[in-house]
């Protein structure tokens, strides 16, 4: 929209804000409905639970955000932030509003510094083609298991912030989606999605508890003891460039 309506910085910010959040929330709702269908829950019961969770979550998020902003204001306004608190998300909206709304012609037009960003939409149409060709002529290579939209989506997340948490993602995925699925297929079919929902819900509860009890959302923080997995300087990825 910035190329179509240049200099409309605030309008572009609200377009990205509401458009991106709407798509993200819709994906979460669809994911939960899919899991409910797998575990044979009635769609009406699942949808009711989603609505109640959304209403309760809106209130809790409002309370948490006000408390976090009041107690961690200096860190949120800093450029780098910490391994726990960061104002990257709201700052990103401001930066994108200026880049796309006020400087879109100067940054993203043909011949400019970021000209390949708009062209990425066209390139993305052809990225899956080589994998389709490989699977078409060499099906034993199982290239159909390589979903390029998901791969590209995750690679984008690896370019910023602390990424050591992805080790846990891959460990859980390997354990459930390969080891359990191949060694214990009956157990996988019966319990996998229930365990996944339990881990998802338990993570959200722990984030809420840790935010207030340990990480300082309510005021005083209580840092974890320093060890290899919790470096005092916050370099949890053990990135050599930060040492």
C-alpha atoms as a PDB file:
ATOM      1  CA  UNK A   1       0.000   0.000   0.000  1.00  0.00           C
ATOM      2  CA  UNK A   2       2.940   2.367   0.531  1.00  0.00           C
ATOM      3  CA  UNK A   3       3.753   2.368  -3.188  1.00  0.00           C
ATOM      4  CA  UNK A   4       0.107   3.086  -4.063  1.00  0.00           C
ATOM      5  CA  UNK A   5      -0.389   5.720  -1.345  1.00  0.00           C
ATOM      6  CA  UNK A   6       3.012   7.345  -0.706  1.00  0.00           C
ATOM      7  CA  UNK A   7       3.503   9.740   2.228  1.00  0.00           C
ATOM      8  CA  UNK A   8       0.508   8.220   4.076  1.00  0.00           C
ATOM      9  CA  UNK A   9       2.662   7.017   6.987  1.00  0.00           C
ATOM     10  CA  UNK A  10      -0.011   6.673   9.660  1.00  0.00           C
ATOM     11  CA  UNK A  11      -2.504   5.062   7.263  1.00  0.00           C
ATOM     12  CA  UNK A  12       0.053   2.457   6.218  1.00  0.00           C
ATOM     13  CA  UNK A  13       0.896   1.731   9.860  1.00  0.00           C
ATOM     14  CA  UNK A  14      -2.740   1.003  10.698  1.00  0.00           C
ATOM     15  CA  UNK A  15      -3.117  -1.079   7.532  1.00  0.00           C
ATOM     16  CA  UNK A  16      -0.161  -3.277   8.533  1.00  0.00           C
ATOM     17  CA  UNK A  17      -1.251  -3.387  12.175  1.00  0.00           C
ATOM     18  CA  UNK A  18      -4.818  -4.533  11.589  1.00  0.00           C
ATOM     19  CA  UNK A  19      -4.082  -6.618   8.497  1.00  0.00           C
ATOM     20  CA  UNK A  20      -1.167  -8.546  10.019  1.00  0.00           C
ATOM     21  CA  UNK A  21      -2.858  -9.134  13.369  1.00  0.00           C
ATOM     22  CA  UNK A  22      -6.088 -10.272  11.724  1.00  0.00           C
ATOM     23  CA  UNK A  23      -4.279 -12.868   9.608  1.00  0.00           C
ATOM     24  CA  UNK A  24      -2.183 -14.045  12.575  1.00  0.00           C
ATOM     25  CA  UNK A  25      -5.199 -14.453  14.868  1.00  0.00           C
ATOM     26  CA  UNK A  26      -7.134 -16.259  12.132  1.00  0.00           C
ATOM     27  CA  UNK A  27      -4.250 -18.717  11.724  1.00  0.00           C
ATOM     28  CA  UNK A  28      -4.254 -19.414  15.473  1.00  0.00           C
ATOM     29  CA  UNK A  29      -8.016 -19.994  15.509  1.00  0.00           C
ATOM     30  CA  UNK A  30      -7.810 -22.336  12.521  1.00  0.00           C
ATOM     31  CA  UNK A  31      -4.938 -24.254  14.129  1.00  0.00           C
ATOM     32  CA  UNK A  32      -6.945 -24.829  17.299  1.00  0.00           C
ATOM     33  CA  UNK A  33     -10.022 -25.887  15.320  1.00  0.00           C
ATOM     34  CA  UNK A  34      -7.885 -28.371  13.396  1.00  0.00           C
ATOM     35  CA  UNK A  35      -6.518 -29.884  16.613  1.00  0.00           C
ATOM     36  CA  UNK A  36     -10.065 -30.063  18.019  1.00  0.00           C
ATOM     37  CA  UNK A  37     -11.184 -31.935  14.911  1.00  0.00           C
ATOM     38  CA  UNK A  38      -8.305 -34.409  15.246  1.00  0.00           C
ATOM     39  CA  UNK A  39      -9.202 -35.202  18.868  1.00  0.00           C
ATOM     40  CA  UNK A  40     -12.932 -35.536  18.009  1.00  0.00           C
ATOM     41  CA  UNK A  41     -14.126 -32.446  19.911  1.00  0.00           C
ATOM     42  CA  UNK A  42     -17.456 -30.916  18.815  1.00  0.00           C
ATOM     43  CA  UNK A  43     -16.802 -27.814  16.661  1.00  0.00           C
ATOM     44  CA  UNK A  44     -19.288 -25.751  18.673  1.00  0.00           C
ATOM     45  CA  UNK A  45     -17.524 -26.582  21.947  1.00  0.00           C
ATOM     46  CA  UNK A  46     -14.123 -25.767  20.430  1.00  0.00           C
ATOM     47  CA  UNK A  47     -15.353 -22.446  19.044  1.00  0.00           C
ATOM     48  CA  UNK A  48     -16.952 -21.520  22.382  1.00  0.00           C
ATOM     49  CA  UNK A  49     -13.683 -22.266  24.182  1.00  0.00           C
ATOM     50  CA  UNK A  50     -11.835 -20.092  21.655  1.00  0.00           C
ATOM     51  CA  UNK A  51     -14.171 -17.145  22.191  1.00  0.00           C
ATOM     52  CA  UNK A  52     -13.937 -17.413  25.977  1.00  0.00           C
ATOM     53  CA  UNK A  53     -10.147 -17.698  25.756  1.00  0.00           C
ATOM     54  CA  UNK A  54      -9.982 -14.671  23.464  1.00  0.00           C
ATOM     55  CA  UNK A  55     -12.060 -12.525  25.825  1.00  0.00           C
ATOM     56  CA  UNK A  56     -10.074 -13.629  28.876  1.00  0.00           C
ATOM     57  CA  UNK A  57      -6.790 -13.240  27.000  1.00  0.00           C
ATOM     58  CA  UNK A  58      -7.642  -9.668  25.977  1.00  0.00           C
ATOM     59  CA  UNK A  59      -8.112  -8.664  29.619  1.00  0.00           C
ATOM     60  CA  UNK A  60      -4.970 -10.478  30.807  1.00  0.00           C
ATOM     61  CA  UNK A  61      -2.880  -9.072  27.958  1.00  0.00           C
ATOM     62  CA  UNK A  62      -4.031  -5.543  28.746  1.00  0.00           C
ATOM     63  CA  UNK A  63      -3.080  -5.957  32.416  1.00  0.00           C
ATOM     64  CA  UNK A  64       0.264  -7.570  31.562  1.00  0.00           C
ATOM     65  CA  UNK A  65       1.214  -4.970  28.951  1.00  0.00           C
ATOM     66  CA  UNK A  66       0.480  -2.048  31.274  1.00  0.00           C
ATOM     67  CA  UNK A  67       2.517  -3.652  34.054  1.00  0.00           C
ATOM     68  CA  UNK A  68       5.422  -4.507  31.726  1.00  0.00           C
ATOM     69  CA  UNK A  69       5.539  -1.022  30.178  1.00  0.00           C
ATOM     70  CA  UNK A  70       5.476   0.631  33.615  1.00  0.00           C
ATOM     71  CA  UNK A  71       8.237  -1.571  35.075  1.00  0.00           C
ATOM     72  CA  UNK A  72      10.481  -2.151  32.028  1.00  0.00           C
ATOM     73  CA  UNK A  73      10.089   1.172  30.219  1.00  0.00           C
ATOM     74  CA  UNK A  74      13.798   1.985  29.885  1.00  0.00           C
ATOM     75  CA  UNK A  75      14.628  -1.425  28.435  1.00  0.00           C
ATOM     76  CA  UNK A  76      11.702  -1.278  25.986  1.00  0.00           C
ATOM     77  CA  UNK A  77      12.880   2.119  24.719  1.00  0.00           C
ATOM     78  CA  UNK A  78      16.470   0.936  24.246  1.00  0.00           C
ATOM     79  CA  UNK A  79      17.694  -0.153  20.836  1.00  0.00           C
ATOM     80  CA  UNK A  80      19.042  -3.582  21.809  1.00  0.00           C
ATOM     81  CA  UNK A  81      16.783  -4.614  24.720  1.00  0.00           C
ATOM     82  CA  UNK A  82      17.637  -7.740  26.677  1.00  0.00           C
ATOM     83  CA  UNK A  83      17.223 -11.476  26.249  1.00  0.00           C
ATOM     84  CA  UNK A  84      13.848 -11.175  28.057  1.00  0.00           C
ATOM     85  CA  UNK A  85      12.337  -7.763  27.260  1.00  0.00           C
ATOM     86  CA  UNK A  86      12.441  -5.945  23.948  1.00  0.00           C
ATOM     87  CA  UNK A  87      10.427  -3.206  22.270  1.00  0.00           C
ATOM     88  CA  UNK A  88      11.220  -4.658  18.858  1.00  0.00           C
ATOM     89  CA  UNK A  89       7.620  -5.381  17.876  1.00  0.00           C
ATOM     90  CA  UNK A  90       6.113  -1.897  18.382  1.00  0.00           C
ATOM     91  CA  UNK A  91       9.302  -0.291  17.070  1.00  0.00           C
ATOM     92  CA  UNK A  92       8.966  -2.467  13.982  1.00  0.00           C
ATOM     93  CA  UNK A  93       5.536  -0.997  13.249  1.00  0.00           C
ATOM     94  CA  UNK A  94       6.974   2.517  13.459  1.00  0.00           C
ATOM     95  CA  UNK A  95       9.930   1.633  11.235  1.00  0.00           C
ATOM     96  CA  UNK A  96       7.760  -0.073   8.638  1.00  0.00           C
ATOM     97  CA  UNK A  97       5.332   2.853   8.642  1.00  0.00           C
ATOM     98  CA  UNK A  98       8.185   5.224   7.782  1.00  0.00           C
ATOM     99  CA  UNK A  99       9.894   2.866   5.333  1.00  0.00           C
ATOM    100  CA  UNK A 100       6.764   1.847   3.408  1.00  0.00           C
ATOM    101  CA  UNK A 101       4.610   4.903   3.989  1.00  0.00           C
ATOM    102  CA  UNK A 102       7.088   7.755   3.771  1.00  0.00           C
ATOM    103  CA  UNK A 103      10.095   6.357   1.884  1.00  0.00           C
ATOM    104  CA  UNK A 104       8.639   3.547  -0.228  1.00  0.00           C
ATOM    105  CA  UNK A 105       9.663   5.093  -3.561  1.00  0.00           C
ATOM    106  CA  UNK A 106      13.192   5.831  -2.319  1.00  0.00           C
ATOM    107  CA  UNK A 107      13.776   2.369  -0.801  1.00  0.00           C
ATOM    108  CA  UNK A 108      11.761  -0.236  -2.706  1.00  0.00           C
ATOM    109  CA  UNK A 109      11.489   1.037  -6.271  1.00  0.00           C
ATOM    110  CA  UNK A 110      13.501  -0.494  -9.109  1.00  0.00           C
ATOM    111  CA  UNK A 111      17.162   0.413  -8.773  1.00  0.00           C
ATOM    112  CA  UNK A 112      16.899   1.333  -5.100  1.00  0.00           C
ATOM    113  CA  UNK A 113      18.563  -0.350  -2.127  1.00  0.00           C
ATOM    114  CA  UNK A 114      15.727  -2.770  -1.255  1.00  0.00           C
ATOM    115  CA  UNK A 115      14.321  -3.321  -4.732  1.00  0.00           C
ATOM    116  CA  UNK A 116      14.333  -7.106  -4.253  1.00  0.00           C
ATOM    117  CA  UNK A 117      11.806  -6.986  -1.415  1.00  0.00           C
ATOM    118  CA  UNK A 118       8.800  -6.468  -3.750  1.00  0.00           C
ATOM    119  CA  UNK A 119      10.331  -8.872  -6.283  1.00  0.00           C
ATOM    120  CA  UNK A 120      10.438 -11.550  -3.593  1.00  0.00           C
ATOM    121  CA  UNK A 121       6.694 -12.087  -4.106  1.00  0.00           C
ATOM    122  CA  UNK A 122       7.344 -13.045  -7.723  1.00  0.00           C
ATOM    123  CA  UNK A 123      10.384 -15.173  -6.860  1.00  0.00           C
ATOM    124  CA  UNK A 124       8.343 -17.011  -4.231  1.00  0.00           C
ATOM    125  CA  UNK A 125       6.011 -18.306  -6.948  1.00  0.00           C
ATOM    126  CA  UNK A 126       8.883 -20.260  -8.544  1.00  0.00           C
ATOM    127  CA  UNK A 127      10.774 -21.463  -5.440  1.00  0.00           C
ATOM    128  CA  UNK A 128       8.631 -24.648  -5.053  1.00  0.00           C
ATOM    129  CA  UNK A 129       9.076 -25.614  -8.732  1.00  0.00           C
ATOM    130  CA  UNK A 130      12.513 -27.344  -8.389  1.00  0.00           C
ATOM    131  CA  UNK A 131      11.227 -29.473  -5.505  1.00  0.00           C
ATOM    132  CA  UNK A 132       8.126 -30.395  -7.517  1.00  0.00           C
ATOM    133  CA  UNK A 133      10.330 -31.443 -10.462  1.00  0.00           C
ATOM    134  CA  UNK A 134      12.573 -33.522  -8.187  1.00  0.00           C
ATOM    135  CA  UNK A 135       9.581 -35.286  -6.674  1.00  0.00           C
ATOM    136  CA  UNK A 136       8.023 -35.766 -10.119  1.00  0.00           C
ATOM    137  CA  UNK A 137      11.022 -37.647 -11.544  1.00  0.00           C
ATOM    138  CA  UNK A 138      12.726 -38.957  -8.385  1.00  0.00           C
ATOM    139  CA  UNK A 139       9.887 -39.659  -5.916  1.00  0.00           C
ATOM    140  CA  UNK A 140      12.096 -41.784  -3.652  1.00  0.00           C
ATOM    141  CA  UNK A 141      13.947 -38.628  -2.581  1.00  0.00           C
ATOM    142  CA  UNK A 142      10.702 -37.455  -0.900  1.00  0.00           C
ATOM    143  CA  UNK A 143      11.157 -33.841  -1.956  1.00  0.00           C
ATOM    144  CA  UNK A 144       7.419 -33.417  -1.376  1.00  0.00           C
ATOM    145  CA  UNK A 145       8.227 -33.234   2.340  1.00  0.00           C
ATOM    146  CA  UNK A 146      10.010 -29.902   1.793  1.00  0.00           C
ATOM    147  CA  UNK A 147       7.380 -27.177   2.211  1.00  0.00           C
ATOM    148  CA  UNK A 148       9.066 -24.041   0.925  1.00  0.00           C
ATOM    149  CA  UNK A 149       6.566 -21.524   2.450  1.00  0.00           C
ATOM    150  CA  UNK A 150       7.236 -22.896   5.949  1.00  0.00           C
ATOM    151  CA  UNK A 151      11.007 -23.078   5.351  1.00  0.00           C
ATOM    152  CA  UNK A 152      11.143 -19.475   4.103  1.00  0.00           C
ATOM    153  CA  UNK A 153       8.880 -18.314   6.937  1.00  0.00           C
ATOM    154  CA  UNK A 154      11.129 -19.802   9.637  1.00  0.00           C
ATOM    155  CA  UNK A 155      14.334 -18.591   7.963  1.00  0.00           C
ATOM    156  CA  UNK A 156      12.976 -15.062   8.268  1.00  0.00           C
ATOM    157  CA  UNK A 157      12.714 -15.488  12.032  1.00  0.00           C
ATOM    158  CA  UNK A 158      16.315 -16.715  12.266  1.00  0.00           C
ATOM    159  CA  UNK A 159      17.654 -13.354  11.112  1.00  0.00           C
ATOM    160  CA  UNK A 160      16.936 -11.451  14.329  1.00  0.00           C
ATOM    161  CA  UNK A 161      16.875 -11.869  18.081  1.00  0.00           C
ATOM    162  CA  UNK A 162      17.877 -14.869  20.191  1.00  0.00           C
ATOM    163  CA  UNK A 163      17.370 -18.103  18.256  1.00  0.00           C
ATOM    164  CA  UNK A 164      18.577 -20.737  20.730  1.00  0.00           C
ATOM    165  CA  UNK A 165      14.953 -21.650  21.471  1.00  0.00           C
ATOM    166  CA  UNK A 166      14.707 -23.248  18.035  1.00  0.00           C
ATOM    167  CA  UNK A 167      16.830 -26.133  19.326  1.00  0.00           C
ATOM    168  CA  UNK A 168      13.905 -27.063  21.585  1.00  0.00           C
ATOM    169  CA  UNK A 169      11.504 -26.801  18.639  1.00  0.00           C
ATOM    170  CA  UNK A 170      13.527 -29.211  16.539  1.00  0.00           C
ATOM    171  CA  UNK A 171      14.072 -31.600  19.464  1.00  0.00           C
ATOM    172  CA  UNK A 172      10.334 -31.839  20.205  1.00  0.00           C
ATOM    173  CA  UNK A 173       9.500 -32.108  16.491  1.00  0.00           C
ATOM    174  CA  UNK A 174      12.044 -34.906  15.985  1.00  0.00           C
ATOM    175  CA  UNK A 175      10.773 -36.776  19.037  1.00  0.00           C
ATOM    176  CA  UNK A 176       7.070 -36.563  18.208  1.00  0.00           C
ATOM    177  CA  UNK A 177       6.909 -36.343  14.416  1.00  0.00           C
ATOM    178  CA  UNK A 178       9.549 -38.946  13.596  1.00  0.00           C
ATOM    179  CA  UNK A 179      10.539 -41.142  16.553  1.00  0.00           C
ATOM    180  CA  UNK A 180       7.089 -41.610  18.097  1.00  0.00           C
ATOM    181  CA  UNK A 181       5.352 -41.627  14.728  1.00  0.00           C
ATOM    182  CA  UNK A 182       7.554 -44.401  13.327  1.00  0.00           C
ATOM    183  CA  UNK A 183       8.151 -46.457  16.486  1.00  0.00           C
ATOM    184  CA  UNK A 184       4.754 -46.133  18.180  1.00  0.00           C
ATOM    185  CA  UNK A 185       2.202 -45.209  15.500  1.00  0.00           C
ATOM    186  CA  UNK A 186      -0.832 -46.235  17.579  1.00  0.00           C
ATOM    187  CA  UNK A 187       0.245 -44.125  20.535  1.00  0.00           C
ATOM    188  CA  UNK A 188       0.981 -41.244  18.175  1.00  0.00           C
ATOM    189  CA  UNK A 189      -2.463 -41.391  16.563  1.00  0.00           C
ATOM    190  CA  UNK A 190      -4.200 -41.536  19.942  1.00  0.00           C
ATOM    191  CA  UNK A 191      -2.216 -39.098  22.099  1.00  0.00           C
ATOM    192  CA  UNK A 192       0.001 -36.861  19.971  1.00  0.00           C
ATOM    193  CA  UNK A 193      -2.443 -33.986  19.476  1.00  0.00           C
ATOM    194  CA  UNK A 194      -3.602 -34.063  23.091  1.00  0.00           C
ATOM    195  CA  UNK A 195       0.011 -33.867  24.274  1.00  0.00           C
ATOM    196  CA  UNK A 196       0.662 -31.045  21.784  1.00  0.00           C
ATOM    197  CA  UNK A 197      -2.302 -29.050  23.088  1.00  0.00           C
ATOM    198  CA  UNK A 198      -1.161 -29.682  26.669  1.00  0.00           C
ATOM    199  CA  UNK A 199       2.373 -28.457  25.904  1.00  0.00           C
ATOM    200  CA  UNK A 200       0.968 -25.390  24.148  1.00  0.00           C
ATOM    201  CA  UNK A 201      -1.336 -24.499  27.029  1.00  0.00           C
ATOM    202  CA  UNK A 202       1.284 -25.270  29.668  1.00  0.00           C
ATOM    203  CA  UNK A 203       3.791 -23.001  27.910  1.00  0.00           C
ATOM    204  CA  UNK A 204       1.335 -20.088  27.955  1.00  0.00           C
ATOM    205  CA  UNK A 205       0.668 -20.584  31.675  1.00  0.00           C
ATOM    206  CA  UNK A 206       4.400 -20.751  32.450  1.00  0.00           C
ATOM    207  CA  UNK A 207       5.081 -17.587  30.419  1.00  0.00           C
ATOM    208  CA  UNK A 208       2.455 -15.768  32.473  1.00  0.00           C
ATOM    209  CA  UNK A 209       3.864 -17.037  35.800  1.00  0.00           C
ATOM    210  CA  UNK A 210       7.526 -16.469  34.896  1.00  0.00           C
ATOM    211  CA  UNK A 211       6.824 -12.968  33.592  1.00  0.00           C
ATOM    212  CA  UNK A 212       5.531 -11.779  36.954  1.00  0.00           C
ATOM    213  CA  UNK A 213       7.350 -14.060  39.404  1.00  0.00           C
ATOM    214  CA  UNK A 214      10.824 -14.157  37.830  1.00  0.00           C
ATOM    215  CA  UNK A 215      11.364 -11.842  34.881  1.00  0.00           C
ATOM    216  CA  UNK A 216      10.198  -8.556  36.402  1.00  0.00           C
ATOM    217  CA  UNK A 217       6.865  -7.834  34.710  1.00  0.00           C
ATOM    218  CA  UNK A 218       5.480  -6.834  38.102  1.00  0.00           C
ATOM    219  CA  UNK A 219       8.565  -4.942  39.287  1.00  0.00           C
ATOM    220  CA  UNK A 220      11.625  -6.700  40.714  1.00  0.00           C
ATOM    221  CA  UNK A 221      13.243  -9.378  38.578  1.00  0.00           C
ATOM    222  CA  UNK A 222      14.971 -12.489  39.902  1.00  0.00           C
ATOM    223  CA  UNK A 223      17.570 -13.648  37.342  1.00  0.00           C
ATOM    224  CA  UNK A 224      18.386 -17.327  36.959  1.00  0.00           C
ATOM    225  CA  UNK A 225      21.793 -18.540  38.198  1.00  0.00           C
ATOM    226  CA  UNK A 226      24.578 -18.172  35.652  1.00  0.00           C
ATOM    227  CA  UNK A 227      25.541 -21.370  33.828  1.00  0.00           C
ATOM    228  CA  UNK A 228      26.293 -22.482  30.280  1.00  0.00           C
ATOM    229  CA  UNK A 229      22.639 -22.229  29.208  1.00  0.00           C
ATOM    230  CA  UNK A 230      22.017 -18.893  30.972  1.00  0.00           C
ATOM    231  CA  UNK A 231      25.021 -16.692  30.344  1.00  0.00           C
ATOM    232  CA  UNK A 232      25.241 -13.609  32.538  1.00  0.00           C
ATOM    233  CA  UNK A 233      25.758 -11.278  29.589  1.00  0.00           C
ATOM    234  CA  UNK A 234      22.570 -12.442  27.884  1.00  0.00           C
ATOM    235  CA  UNK A 235      24.365 -14.123  24.965  1.00  0.00           C
ATOM    236  CA  UNK A 236      22.241 -17.265  25.163  1.00  0.00           C
ATOM    237  CA  UNK A 237      23.110 -18.209  21.582  1.00  0.00           C
ATOM    238  CA  UNK A 238      26.848 -18.151  22.435  1.00  0.00           C
ATOM    239  CA  UNK A 239      27.342 -16.045  19.340  1.00  0.00           C
ATOM    240  CA  UNK A 240      31.077 -15.445  18.792  1.00  0.00           C
ATOM    241  CA  UNK A 241      30.383 -12.038  17.241  1.00  0.00           C
ATOM    242  CA  UNK A 242      29.042 -10.735  20.583  1.00  0.00           C
ATOM    243  CA  UNK A 243      32.060 -11.775  22.636  1.00  0.00           C
END
